[in-house]
N, C-alpha and C. Protein backbone atom coordinates (compact mmCIF):
# COMPACT_ATOMS: atom_id res chain seq x y z
N MET A 1 -75.84 57.46 -82.84
CA MET A 1 -76.10 58.44 -83.89
C MET A 1 -76.46 57.71 -85.15
N ASP A 2 -77.52 58.16 -85.86
CA ASP A 2 -77.94 57.55 -87.11
C ASP A 2 -77.30 58.30 -88.27
N ASN A 3 -76.39 57.62 -89.01
CA ASN A 3 -75.79 58.27 -90.16
C ASN A 3 -76.75 58.20 -91.33
N LYS A 4 -77.08 59.35 -91.92
CA LYS A 4 -77.94 59.37 -93.09
C LYS A 4 -77.22 58.74 -94.27
N VAL A 5 -78.00 58.20 -95.20
CA VAL A 5 -77.42 57.64 -96.41
C VAL A 5 -77.04 58.83 -97.28
N ASN A 6 -75.76 59.13 -97.35
CA ASN A 6 -75.28 60.31 -98.05
C ASN A 6 -74.86 59.90 -99.44
N ILE A 7 -75.67 60.20 -100.46
CA ILE A 7 -75.46 59.70 -101.81
C ILE A 7 -74.98 60.81 -102.72
N SER A 8 -73.97 60.51 -103.52
CA SER A 8 -73.51 61.49 -104.50
C SER A 8 -74.42 61.48 -105.72
N THR A 9 -74.35 62.56 -106.52
CA THR A 9 -75.25 62.68 -107.66
C THR A 9 -74.99 61.60 -108.70
N GLU A 10 -73.78 61.09 -108.78
CA GLU A 10 -73.48 60.05 -109.75
C GLU A 10 -74.27 58.78 -109.49
N SER A 11 -74.75 58.60 -108.27
CA SER A 11 -75.45 57.38 -107.90
C SER A 11 -76.96 57.60 -107.80
N GLY A 12 -77.46 58.66 -108.43
CA GLY A 12 -78.87 59.00 -108.31
C GLY A 12 -79.81 57.89 -108.70
N ALA A 13 -79.47 57.19 -109.78
CA ALA A 13 -80.36 56.13 -110.25
C ALA A 13 -80.47 55.02 -109.22
N ASP A 14 -79.35 54.67 -108.58
CA ASP A 14 -79.36 53.61 -107.57
C ASP A 14 -80.17 54.06 -106.36
N VAL A 15 -80.05 55.32 -105.97
CA VAL A 15 -80.80 55.84 -104.83
C VAL A 15 -82.29 55.75 -105.11
N GLU A 16 -82.69 56.15 -106.30
CA GLU A 16 -84.12 56.12 -106.65
C GLU A 16 -84.64 54.69 -106.64
N ARG A 17 -83.84 53.75 -107.15
CA ARG A 17 -84.28 52.35 -107.18
C ARG A 17 -84.44 51.81 -105.77
N VAL A 18 -83.46 52.07 -104.89
CA VAL A 18 -83.53 51.59 -103.52
C VAL A 18 -84.70 52.22 -102.79
N SER A 19 -84.88 53.54 -102.95
CA SER A 19 -85.98 54.23 -102.27
C SER A 19 -87.33 53.68 -102.70
N ALA A 20 -87.50 53.44 -104.00
CA ALA A 20 -88.77 52.91 -104.50
C ALA A 20 -89.02 51.50 -103.98
N THR A 21 -87.97 50.68 -103.92
CA THR A 21 -88.11 49.31 -103.44
C THR A 21 -88.45 49.28 -101.96
N VAL A 22 -87.72 50.08 -101.15
CA VAL A 22 -87.98 50.13 -99.71
C VAL A 22 -89.39 50.67 -99.45
N SER A 23 -89.80 51.69 -100.20
CA SER A 23 -91.14 52.26 -100.04
C SER A 23 -92.22 51.21 -100.26
N GLN A 24 -92.11 50.51 -101.35
CA GLN A 24 -93.12 49.49 -101.69
C GLN A 24 -93.14 48.37 -100.66
N ASN A 25 -91.95 47.90 -100.27
CA ASN A 25 -91.88 46.77 -99.35
C ASN A 25 -92.30 47.15 -97.94
N LEU A 26 -91.96 48.35 -97.49
CA LEU A 26 -92.39 48.77 -96.15
C LEU A 26 -93.91 48.80 -96.08
N ARG A 27 -94.54 49.37 -97.08
CA ARG A 27 -96.00 49.44 -97.10
C ARG A 27 -96.61 48.03 -97.10
N SER A 28 -96.01 47.14 -97.91
CA SER A 28 -96.53 45.78 -98.02
C SER A 28 -96.36 45.01 -96.72
N PHE A 29 -95.15 45.08 -96.11
CA PHE A 29 -94.90 44.35 -94.87
C PHE A 29 -95.77 44.88 -93.73
N ARG A 30 -95.94 46.20 -93.69
CA ARG A 30 -96.74 46.80 -92.62
C ARG A 30 -98.20 46.34 -92.72
N ARG A 31 -98.72 46.31 -93.93
CA ARG A 31 -100.11 45.89 -94.11
C ARG A 31 -100.28 44.40 -93.82
N GLN A 32 -99.28 43.60 -94.21
CA GLN A 32 -99.35 42.17 -93.90
C GLN A 32 -99.38 41.93 -92.40
N SER A 33 -98.69 42.79 -91.66
CA SER A 33 -98.65 42.68 -90.20
C SER A 33 -99.81 43.39 -89.53
N ALA A 34 -100.67 44.02 -90.33
CA ALA A 34 -101.84 44.76 -89.82
C ALA A 34 -101.43 45.81 -88.79
N LEU A 35 -100.35 46.53 -89.09
CA LEU A 35 -99.85 47.57 -88.18
C LEU A 35 -100.16 48.95 -88.75
N THR A 36 -100.61 49.84 -87.90
CA THR A 36 -100.74 51.24 -88.29
C THR A 36 -99.36 51.88 -88.24
N LEU A 37 -99.24 53.04 -88.83
CA LEU A 37 -97.98 53.76 -88.76
C LEU A 37 -97.64 54.12 -87.31
N ASP A 38 -98.66 54.45 -86.52
CA ASP A 38 -98.44 54.78 -85.11
C ASP A 38 -97.87 53.58 -84.35
N GLU A 39 -98.44 52.40 -84.59
CA GLU A 39 -97.98 51.21 -83.88
C GLU A 39 -96.58 50.81 -84.33
N LEU A 40 -96.31 50.89 -85.63
CA LEU A 40 -94.97 50.57 -86.12
C LEU A 40 -93.95 51.54 -85.55
N SER A 41 -94.33 52.80 -85.45
CA SER A 41 -93.43 53.80 -84.86
C SER A 41 -93.12 53.45 -83.41
N ARG A 42 -94.15 53.04 -82.66
CA ARG A 42 -93.94 52.69 -81.26
C ARG A 42 -93.02 51.48 -81.13
N ARG A 43 -93.22 50.47 -81.97
CA ARG A 43 -92.42 49.25 -81.87
C ARG A 43 -90.97 49.44 -82.33
N SER A 44 -90.79 50.27 -83.33
CA SER A 44 -89.46 50.42 -83.92
C SER A 44 -88.63 51.55 -83.32
N GLY A 45 -89.32 52.54 -82.72
CA GLY A 45 -88.61 53.70 -82.23
C GLY A 45 -88.28 54.70 -83.32
N VAL A 46 -88.83 54.47 -84.52
CA VAL A 46 -88.65 55.39 -85.65
C VAL A 46 -89.87 56.31 -85.69
N SER A 47 -89.66 57.58 -85.89
CA SER A 47 -90.78 58.53 -85.85
C SER A 47 -91.80 58.22 -86.95
N LYS A 48 -93.06 58.54 -86.65
CA LYS A 48 -94.11 58.33 -87.62
C LYS A 48 -93.85 59.16 -88.88
N GLY A 49 -93.33 60.37 -88.70
CA GLY A 49 -93.04 61.21 -89.85
C GLY A 49 -92.03 60.58 -90.79
N MET A 50 -90.99 59.96 -90.22
CA MET A 50 -89.99 59.29 -91.05
C MET A 50 -90.61 58.12 -91.78
N LEU A 51 -91.45 57.33 -91.09
CA LEU A 51 -92.09 56.18 -91.73
C LEU A 51 -92.99 56.63 -92.89
N VAL A 52 -93.70 57.73 -92.69
CA VAL A 52 -94.55 58.26 -93.76
C VAL A 52 -93.70 58.63 -94.97
N GLU A 53 -92.57 59.30 -94.72
CA GLU A 53 -91.71 59.71 -95.82
C GLU A 53 -91.09 58.51 -96.53
N ILE A 54 -90.74 57.46 -95.77
CA ILE A 54 -90.19 56.26 -96.40
C ILE A 54 -91.24 55.63 -97.31
N GLU A 55 -92.47 55.52 -96.82
CA GLU A 55 -93.52 54.91 -97.64
C GLU A 55 -93.83 55.75 -98.87
N LYS A 56 -93.65 57.05 -98.78
CA LYS A 56 -93.86 57.93 -99.93
C LYS A 56 -92.69 57.88 -100.90
N GLY A 57 -91.55 57.30 -100.46
CA GLY A 57 -90.37 57.23 -101.31
C GLY A 57 -89.58 58.51 -101.35
N THR A 58 -89.80 59.39 -100.36
CA THR A 58 -89.11 60.68 -100.34
C THR A 58 -88.08 60.79 -99.23
N ALA A 59 -87.94 59.75 -98.42
CA ALA A 59 -87.00 59.79 -97.30
C ALA A 59 -85.64 59.25 -97.71
N ASN A 60 -84.65 59.57 -96.92
CA ASN A 60 -83.28 59.09 -97.11
C ASN A 60 -82.85 58.43 -95.81
N PRO A 61 -83.43 57.26 -95.44
CA PRO A 61 -83.21 56.68 -94.11
C PRO A 61 -81.80 56.13 -93.93
N SER A 62 -81.33 56.18 -92.72
CA SER A 62 -80.04 55.58 -92.39
C SER A 62 -80.15 54.07 -92.33
N ILE A 63 -79.01 53.40 -92.34
CA ILE A 63 -78.98 51.95 -92.19
C ILE A 63 -79.60 51.56 -90.84
N ALA A 64 -79.32 52.36 -89.80
CA ALA A 64 -79.87 52.06 -88.47
C ALA A 64 -81.40 52.10 -88.48
N ILE A 65 -81.97 53.08 -89.17
CA ILE A 65 -83.43 53.18 -89.24
C ILE A 65 -84.01 51.98 -89.98
N LEU A 66 -83.37 51.57 -91.07
CA LEU A 66 -83.84 50.40 -91.80
C LEU A 66 -83.77 49.15 -90.91
N CYS A 67 -82.70 49.02 -90.14
CA CYS A 67 -82.55 47.86 -89.25
C CYS A 67 -83.65 47.82 -88.19
N ARG A 68 -83.92 48.97 -87.56
CA ARG A 68 -84.94 49.00 -86.51
C ARG A 68 -86.33 48.74 -87.08
N THR A 69 -86.62 49.29 -88.24
CA THR A 69 -87.94 49.09 -88.86
C THR A 69 -88.12 47.65 -89.29
N ALA A 70 -87.07 47.07 -89.88
CA ALA A 70 -87.14 45.67 -90.31
C ALA A 70 -87.37 44.75 -89.12
N ALA A 71 -86.62 44.98 -88.03
CA ALA A 71 -86.77 44.13 -86.84
C ALA A 71 -88.18 44.22 -86.28
N ALA A 72 -88.77 45.42 -86.28
CA ALA A 72 -90.12 45.58 -85.75
C ALA A 72 -91.16 44.86 -86.59
N LEU A 73 -90.86 44.68 -87.87
CA LEU A 73 -91.78 44.00 -88.78
C LEU A 73 -91.49 42.51 -88.90
N GLY A 74 -90.39 42.04 -88.28
CA GLY A 74 -90.04 40.63 -88.38
C GLY A 74 -89.46 40.24 -89.72
N VAL A 75 -88.84 41.23 -90.40
CA VAL A 75 -88.19 40.96 -91.68
C VAL A 75 -86.74 41.40 -91.57
N SER A 76 -86.00 41.28 -92.67
CA SER A 76 -84.60 41.70 -92.67
C SER A 76 -84.43 42.90 -93.59
N VAL A 77 -83.29 43.58 -93.45
CA VAL A 77 -82.97 44.67 -94.37
C VAL A 77 -82.88 44.13 -95.79
N ALA A 78 -82.37 42.91 -95.93
CA ALA A 78 -82.30 42.29 -97.26
C ALA A 78 -83.69 42.10 -97.86
N ASP A 79 -84.69 41.80 -97.02
CA ASP A 79 -86.08 41.73 -97.50
C ASP A 79 -86.52 43.09 -98.05
N PHE A 80 -86.14 44.15 -97.36
CA PHE A 80 -86.53 45.50 -97.77
C PHE A 80 -86.01 45.85 -99.16
N VAL A 81 -84.77 45.42 -99.45
CA VAL A 81 -84.15 45.85 -100.72
C VAL A 81 -84.09 44.73 -101.76
N ASN A 82 -84.82 43.63 -101.49
CA ASN A 82 -84.99 42.54 -102.47
C ASN A 82 -83.69 41.82 -102.82
N VAL A 83 -82.80 41.61 -101.83
CA VAL A 83 -81.62 40.77 -102.07
C VAL A 83 -81.63 39.55 -101.16
N ALA A 84 -82.82 39.17 -100.67
CA ALA A 84 -82.97 37.97 -99.85
C ALA A 84 -83.50 36.85 -100.72
N PRO A 85 -82.75 35.75 -100.89
CA PRO A 85 -83.22 34.66 -101.74
C PRO A 85 -84.52 34.06 -101.22
N THR A 86 -85.43 33.75 -102.13
CA THR A 86 -86.69 33.11 -101.77
C THR A 86 -86.75 31.69 -102.32
N VAL A 87 -85.66 31.22 -102.88
CA VAL A 87 -85.56 29.86 -103.42
C VAL A 87 -84.31 29.23 -102.81
N PRO A 88 -84.10 27.90 -102.98
CA PRO A 88 -82.93 27.26 -102.37
C PRO A 88 -81.61 27.93 -102.72
N ALA A 89 -81.49 28.47 -103.91
CA ALA A 89 -80.28 29.19 -104.29
C ALA A 89 -80.64 30.26 -105.30
N ARG A 90 -80.09 31.45 -105.12
CA ARG A 90 -80.35 32.55 -106.05
C ARG A 90 -79.09 33.37 -106.20
N ILE A 91 -78.73 33.66 -107.42
CA ILE A 91 -77.58 34.52 -107.69
C ILE A 91 -78.05 35.97 -107.69
N VAL A 92 -77.43 36.78 -106.87
CA VAL A 92 -77.72 38.21 -106.85
C VAL A 92 -76.67 38.91 -107.71
N GLN A 93 -77.10 39.44 -108.82
CA GLN A 93 -76.19 40.09 -109.75
C GLN A 93 -75.69 41.42 -109.17
N PRO A 94 -74.51 41.88 -109.63
CA PRO A 94 -73.96 43.14 -109.10
C PRO A 94 -74.93 44.31 -109.18
N HIS A 95 -75.71 44.40 -110.25
CA HIS A 95 -76.61 45.54 -110.39
C HIS A 95 -77.81 45.44 -109.47
N ASP A 96 -78.03 44.27 -108.84
CA ASP A 96 -79.14 44.11 -107.90
C ASP A 96 -78.73 44.38 -106.46
N ALA A 97 -77.42 44.44 -106.18
CA ALA A 97 -76.96 44.76 -104.83
C ALA A 97 -77.34 46.21 -104.52
N SER A 98 -77.53 46.51 -103.24
CA SER A 98 -78.03 47.84 -102.85
C SER A 98 -77.00 48.60 -102.02
N THR A 99 -76.59 49.76 -102.52
CA THR A 99 -75.70 50.64 -101.77
C THR A 99 -76.54 51.48 -100.83
N LEU A 100 -76.34 51.29 -99.53
CA LEU A 100 -77.19 51.92 -98.52
C LEU A 100 -76.49 53.04 -97.75
N TRP A 101 -75.23 53.27 -98.05
CA TRP A 101 -74.50 54.40 -97.45
C TRP A 101 -73.43 54.86 -98.41
N ARG A 102 -73.27 56.19 -98.52
CA ARG A 102 -72.14 56.76 -99.25
C ARG A 102 -71.51 57.84 -98.39
N GLY A 103 -70.21 57.79 -98.28
CA GLY A 103 -69.50 58.77 -97.47
C GLY A 103 -69.24 60.04 -98.23
N PRO A 104 -68.83 61.08 -97.54
CA PRO A 104 -68.60 62.39 -98.16
C PRO A 104 -67.46 62.41 -99.16
N LYS A 105 -66.57 61.41 -99.11
CA LYS A 105 -65.44 61.38 -100.04
C LYS A 105 -65.59 60.27 -101.09
N GLY A 106 -66.78 59.63 -101.12
CA GLY A 106 -67.03 58.61 -102.13
C GLY A 106 -67.04 57.19 -101.62
N GLY A 107 -66.90 57.00 -100.32
CA GLY A 107 -66.98 55.66 -99.75
C GLY A 107 -68.39 55.10 -99.89
N SER A 108 -68.52 53.80 -99.66
CA SER A 108 -69.84 53.18 -99.82
C SER A 108 -69.95 51.92 -98.99
N ALA A 109 -71.19 51.58 -98.65
CA ALA A 109 -71.51 50.31 -97.99
C ALA A 109 -72.62 49.66 -98.81
N THR A 110 -72.34 48.49 -99.37
CA THR A 110 -73.27 47.83 -100.27
C THR A 110 -73.69 46.49 -99.69
N LEU A 111 -75.00 46.31 -99.53
CA LEU A 111 -75.56 45.03 -99.08
C LEU A 111 -75.61 44.11 -100.29
N LEU A 112 -74.76 43.08 -100.29
CA LEU A 112 -74.63 42.19 -101.44
C LEU A 112 -75.72 41.13 -101.47
N VAL A 113 -75.97 40.52 -100.32
CA VAL A 113 -77.00 39.47 -100.23
C VAL A 113 -77.29 39.25 -98.75
N GLY A 114 -78.49 38.76 -98.46
CA GLY A 114 -78.84 38.49 -97.07
C GLY A 114 -80.02 37.55 -97.00
N THR A 115 -80.23 37.00 -95.83
CA THR A 115 -81.34 36.06 -95.63
C THR A 115 -82.64 36.82 -95.40
N GLN A 116 -83.76 36.10 -95.51
CA GLN A 116 -85.03 36.66 -95.15
C GLN A 116 -85.13 36.74 -93.63
N GLY A 117 -85.96 37.66 -93.15
CA GLY A 117 -86.10 37.84 -91.70
C GLY A 117 -87.01 36.81 -91.09
N PRO A 118 -87.13 36.83 -89.73
CA PRO A 118 -86.55 37.83 -88.84
C PRO A 118 -85.08 37.60 -88.50
N ASP A 119 -84.58 36.36 -88.66
CA ASP A 119 -83.15 36.14 -88.45
C ASP A 119 -82.41 36.70 -89.65
N MET A 120 -81.38 37.48 -89.39
CA MET A 120 -80.67 38.15 -90.47
C MET A 120 -79.21 37.75 -90.52
N ILE A 121 -78.79 37.26 -91.66
CA ILE A 121 -77.38 37.07 -91.95
C ILE A 121 -77.12 37.82 -93.25
N GLU A 122 -76.22 38.79 -93.20
CA GLU A 122 -76.01 39.67 -94.34
C GLU A 122 -74.54 39.71 -94.72
N LEU A 123 -74.29 39.93 -96.02
CA LEU A 123 -72.93 40.09 -96.53
C LEU A 123 -72.82 41.48 -97.14
N TRP A 124 -71.85 42.26 -96.65
CA TRP A 124 -71.65 43.64 -97.08
C TRP A 124 -70.26 43.84 -97.67
N ARG A 125 -70.16 44.77 -98.60
CA ARG A 125 -68.85 45.23 -99.09
C ARG A 125 -68.73 46.72 -98.77
N TRP A 126 -67.66 47.08 -98.07
CA TRP A 126 -67.43 48.47 -97.67
C TRP A 126 -66.20 49.04 -98.36
N THR A 127 -66.30 50.29 -98.76
CA THR A 127 -65.16 51.07 -99.23
C THR A 127 -65.17 52.39 -98.49
N MET A 128 -64.04 52.75 -97.89
CA MET A 128 -63.94 54.01 -97.15
C MET A 128 -62.64 54.70 -97.54
N PHE A 129 -62.73 55.99 -97.81
CA PHE A 129 -61.55 56.76 -98.16
C PHE A 129 -60.99 57.44 -96.91
N PRO A 130 -59.71 57.84 -96.94
CA PRO A 130 -59.08 58.44 -95.76
C PRO A 130 -59.92 59.56 -95.16
N GLY A 131 -60.13 59.47 -93.85
CA GLY A 131 -60.89 60.48 -93.13
C GLY A 131 -62.37 60.16 -92.99
N GLU A 132 -62.87 59.14 -93.67
CA GLU A 132 -64.29 58.81 -93.58
C GLU A 132 -64.57 57.97 -92.33
N THR A 133 -65.77 58.18 -91.77
CA THR A 133 -66.21 57.49 -90.56
C THR A 133 -67.67 57.10 -90.72
N PHE A 134 -68.01 55.92 -90.22
CA PHE A 134 -69.42 55.52 -90.13
C PHE A 134 -69.68 55.09 -88.70
N GLU A 135 -70.71 55.70 -88.07
CA GLU A 135 -71.06 55.37 -86.69
C GLU A 135 -72.39 54.63 -86.67
N SER A 136 -72.46 53.58 -85.85
CA SER A 136 -73.68 52.79 -85.70
C SER A 136 -74.13 52.84 -84.24
N PRO A 137 -75.44 53.00 -84.00
CA PRO A 137 -75.92 53.02 -82.62
C PRO A 137 -75.95 51.65 -81.96
N GLY A 138 -75.65 50.60 -82.72
CA GLY A 138 -75.66 49.25 -82.17
C GLY A 138 -76.86 48.47 -82.66
N HIS A 139 -76.77 47.16 -82.53
CA HIS A 139 -77.79 46.25 -83.02
C HIS A 139 -78.43 45.49 -81.86
N SER A 140 -79.27 44.53 -82.19
CA SER A 140 -79.95 43.77 -81.15
C SER A 140 -78.95 42.90 -80.37
N PRO A 141 -79.29 42.51 -79.13
CA PRO A 141 -78.35 41.74 -78.30
C PRO A 141 -77.85 40.48 -79.00
N GLY A 142 -76.54 40.28 -78.91
CA GLY A 142 -75.95 39.08 -79.48
C GLY A 142 -75.50 39.21 -80.91
N THR A 143 -75.72 40.37 -81.55
CA THR A 143 -75.32 40.54 -82.95
C THR A 143 -73.81 40.43 -83.08
N LEU A 144 -73.39 39.68 -84.10
CA LEU A 144 -71.98 39.49 -84.37
C LEU A 144 -71.64 40.00 -85.77
N GLU A 145 -70.44 40.54 -85.91
CA GLU A 145 -69.92 40.94 -87.22
C GLU A 145 -68.57 40.28 -87.44
N LEU A 146 -68.40 39.74 -88.64
CA LEU A 146 -67.13 39.14 -89.04
C LEU A 146 -66.60 39.98 -90.19
N ILE A 147 -65.39 40.50 -90.03
CA ILE A 147 -64.83 41.45 -90.98
C ILE A 147 -63.48 40.94 -91.48
N ASN A 148 -63.27 41.04 -92.79
CA ASN A 148 -61.96 40.77 -93.38
C ASN A 148 -61.53 42.01 -94.16
N VAL A 149 -60.37 42.54 -93.80
CA VAL A 149 -59.84 43.73 -94.46
C VAL A 149 -59.04 43.30 -95.68
N GLU A 150 -59.43 43.84 -96.84
CA GLU A 150 -58.75 43.49 -98.09
C GLU A 150 -57.61 44.46 -98.39
N THR A 151 -57.89 45.76 -98.32
CA THR A 151 -56.86 46.77 -98.56
C THR A 151 -57.06 47.91 -97.58
N GLY A 152 -55.98 48.63 -97.29
CA GLY A 152 -56.07 49.73 -96.35
C GLY A 152 -56.05 49.24 -94.91
N GLU A 153 -56.43 50.12 -94.01
CA GLU A 153 -56.39 49.82 -92.57
C GLU A 153 -57.69 50.27 -91.93
N LEU A 154 -58.37 49.34 -91.25
CA LEU A 154 -59.64 49.64 -90.60
C LEU A 154 -59.42 49.87 -89.11
N THR A 155 -59.96 50.97 -88.60
CA THR A 155 -60.03 51.18 -87.16
C THR A 155 -61.46 50.92 -86.73
N LEU A 156 -61.65 49.92 -85.90
CA LEU A 156 -62.97 49.55 -85.39
C LEU A 156 -63.06 50.01 -83.95
N LYS A 157 -63.98 50.94 -83.70
CA LYS A 157 -64.14 51.52 -82.36
C LYS A 157 -65.28 50.79 -81.66
N LEU A 158 -64.97 50.14 -80.54
CA LEU A 158 -65.94 49.42 -79.72
C LEU A 158 -65.84 49.94 -78.30
N ALA A 159 -66.88 50.65 -77.84
CA ALA A 159 -66.86 51.24 -76.50
C ALA A 159 -65.60 52.09 -76.36
N ASP A 160 -64.72 51.76 -75.41
CA ASP A 160 -63.51 52.55 -75.18
C ASP A 160 -62.29 51.93 -75.86
N THR A 161 -62.51 50.95 -76.75
CA THR A 161 -61.41 50.24 -77.38
C THR A 161 -61.36 50.54 -78.87
N ASP A 162 -60.16 50.83 -79.38
CA ASP A 162 -59.94 50.99 -80.81
C ASP A 162 -59.10 49.83 -81.31
N LEU A 163 -59.66 49.05 -82.24
CA LEU A 163 -58.93 47.94 -82.83
C LEU A 163 -58.47 48.35 -84.22
N VAL A 164 -57.19 48.16 -84.51
CA VAL A 164 -56.65 48.48 -85.83
C VAL A 164 -56.41 47.18 -86.57
N ILE A 165 -57.10 47.02 -87.69
CA ILE A 165 -57.09 45.76 -88.43
C ILE A 165 -56.35 45.98 -89.74
N GLN A 166 -55.28 45.25 -89.92
CA GLN A 166 -54.41 45.39 -91.08
C GLN A 166 -54.92 44.57 -92.27
N PRO A 167 -54.45 44.87 -93.48
CA PRO A 167 -54.87 44.10 -94.66
C PRO A 167 -54.58 42.61 -94.49
N GLY A 168 -55.55 41.79 -94.86
CA GLY A 168 -55.41 40.35 -94.74
C GLY A 168 -55.86 39.80 -93.41
N SER A 169 -56.05 40.68 -92.42
CA SER A 169 -56.48 40.23 -91.10
C SER A 169 -58.00 40.28 -91.00
N SER A 170 -58.53 39.51 -90.05
CA SER A 170 -59.97 39.43 -89.84
C SER A 170 -60.28 39.65 -88.37
N VAL A 171 -61.53 39.99 -88.08
CA VAL A 171 -61.95 40.20 -86.70
C VAL A 171 -63.38 39.72 -86.52
N LEU A 172 -63.66 39.18 -85.35
CA LEU A 172 -65.02 38.82 -84.94
C LEU A 172 -65.38 39.74 -83.79
N ALA A 173 -66.48 40.49 -83.95
CA ALA A 173 -66.84 41.48 -82.94
C ALA A 173 -68.31 41.39 -82.61
N ARG A 174 -68.65 41.60 -81.33
CA ARG A 174 -70.04 41.72 -80.91
C ARG A 174 -70.41 43.20 -81.02
N THR A 175 -71.46 43.50 -81.78
CA THR A 175 -71.76 44.91 -82.09
C THR A 175 -73.16 45.30 -81.63
N GLU A 176 -73.55 44.82 -80.46
CA GLU A 176 -74.86 45.18 -79.93
C GLU A 176 -74.86 46.60 -79.34
N ASP A 177 -73.68 47.13 -79.06
CA ASP A 177 -73.56 48.48 -78.53
C ASP A 177 -73.03 49.42 -79.60
N ARG A 178 -73.02 50.70 -79.30
CA ARG A 178 -72.54 51.71 -80.23
C ARG A 178 -71.11 51.36 -80.71
N HIS A 179 -70.88 51.52 -82.00
CA HIS A 179 -69.55 51.23 -82.56
C HIS A 179 -69.36 52.08 -83.81
N ALA A 180 -68.12 52.07 -84.32
CA ALA A 180 -67.83 52.90 -85.49
C ALA A 180 -66.71 52.27 -86.31
N TYR A 181 -66.75 52.55 -87.62
CA TYR A 181 -65.69 52.14 -88.54
C TYR A 181 -65.01 53.42 -89.03
N LEU A 182 -63.69 53.44 -89.01
CA LEU A 182 -62.95 54.63 -89.41
C LEU A 182 -61.79 54.25 -90.33
N ASN A 183 -61.54 55.11 -91.30
CA ASN A 183 -60.32 55.00 -92.09
C ASN A 183 -59.40 56.13 -91.64
N CYS A 184 -58.50 55.78 -90.73
CA CYS A 184 -57.56 56.76 -90.20
C CYS A 184 -56.24 56.75 -90.97
N GLY A 185 -56.17 55.91 -91.99
CA GLY A 185 -54.94 55.78 -92.76
C GLY A 185 -54.87 56.75 -93.92
N THR A 186 -53.97 56.45 -94.84
CA THR A 186 -53.75 57.32 -96.00
C THR A 186 -54.16 56.65 -97.30
N GLU A 187 -54.65 55.41 -97.21
CA GLU A 187 -55.03 54.68 -98.42
C GLU A 187 -56.52 54.32 -98.37
N ARG A 188 -57.05 53.98 -99.54
CA ARG A 188 -58.43 53.51 -99.61
C ARG A 188 -58.58 52.21 -98.82
N LEU A 189 -59.66 52.12 -98.05
CA LEU A 189 -59.94 50.94 -97.24
C LEU A 189 -61.07 50.15 -97.89
N ARG A 190 -60.87 48.84 -98.04
CA ARG A 190 -61.92 47.95 -98.53
C ARG A 190 -62.02 46.76 -97.59
N PHE A 191 -63.24 46.44 -97.15
CA PHE A 191 -63.40 45.25 -96.33
C PHE A 191 -64.75 44.60 -96.61
N ILE A 192 -64.79 43.30 -96.36
CA ILE A 192 -66.01 42.51 -96.48
C ILE A 192 -66.52 42.22 -95.07
N MET A 193 -67.82 42.36 -94.86
CA MET A 193 -68.38 42.16 -93.54
C MET A 193 -69.62 41.27 -93.61
N ALA A 194 -69.65 40.26 -92.75
CA ALA A 194 -70.84 39.43 -92.56
C ALA A 194 -71.46 39.79 -91.23
N VAL A 195 -72.77 39.97 -91.22
CA VAL A 195 -73.50 40.33 -89.99
C VAL A 195 -74.50 39.24 -89.66
N ALA A 196 -74.48 38.77 -88.42
CA ALA A 196 -75.46 37.78 -87.94
C ALA A 196 -76.26 38.42 -86.82
N GLU A 197 -77.53 38.73 -87.10
CA GLU A 197 -78.41 39.35 -86.12
C GLU A 197 -79.62 38.42 -85.97
N LEU A 198 -79.56 37.56 -84.95
CA LEU A 198 -80.55 36.51 -84.79
C LEU A 198 -81.54 36.89 -83.70
N GLN A 199 -82.82 36.77 -84.01
CA GLN A 199 -83.87 37.20 -83.09
C GLN A 199 -84.21 36.14 -82.04
N ARG A 200 -83.92 34.87 -82.35
CA ARG A 200 -84.25 33.83 -81.39
C ARG A 200 -83.29 33.87 -80.21
N THR A 201 -83.60 33.14 -79.16
CA THR A 201 -82.76 33.10 -77.98
C THR A 201 -81.35 32.65 -78.36
N ARG A 202 -80.35 33.38 -77.89
CA ARG A 202 -78.98 33.09 -78.28
C ARG A 202 -78.16 32.59 -77.11
N LEU A 203 -77.15 31.82 -77.44
CA LEU A 203 -76.13 31.48 -76.46
C LEU A 203 -75.06 32.57 -76.54
N ARG A 204 -74.57 33.01 -75.43
CA ARG A 204 -73.54 34.05 -75.42
C ARG A 204 -72.28 33.49 -76.02
N VAL A 205 -71.72 34.22 -76.97
CA VAL A 205 -70.50 33.82 -77.63
C VAL A 205 -69.32 34.48 -76.94
N GLU A 206 -68.39 33.70 -76.49
CA GLU A 206 -67.20 34.26 -75.84
C GLU A 206 -66.18 34.59 -76.90
N LEU A 207 -65.77 35.85 -76.98
CA LEU A 207 -64.79 36.30 -77.97
C LEU A 207 -63.40 36.29 -77.38
């Protein structure tokens, strides 16, 4: 299931900035790759209508849609939102980080920094309030996520397994299949997540 980026009105300016940046970069990357909207739709599995709306800056794409479109273009989500360093070292200021998901109770997922594509290593900061859930359809084969829970309690659903991660604990998970993050507790949940989604041939990592 693709969770839409659900943004509250207080974050309107950030939504507009992200939408405008993604719109411009999608058009630029697609033209550099000499791909029509039809061909990009076929490669990514994202409907042509959605791609048209993204390029127009009127769509509200999910994180999953951004991931599939980026992979089809050989770039990263960080490339889409301009937080991928293009020099040996670059500081990404807090106001340049991109919030790509907001939950119904005020939770958020913010992409802090990431590498240029097609190999993607990303650093995210998540906040989830009690009762909030984010579901992901899964990533490319071999994708790994490293999570450290700072406050609250994270329930990570992987296939038929629910892992409960306490504050201060960390987990390494393979997330190529459908998975979900849940705050089943009574306190605000905050965690940091690093994602490694490498397109080149991988060695299987034994967890």
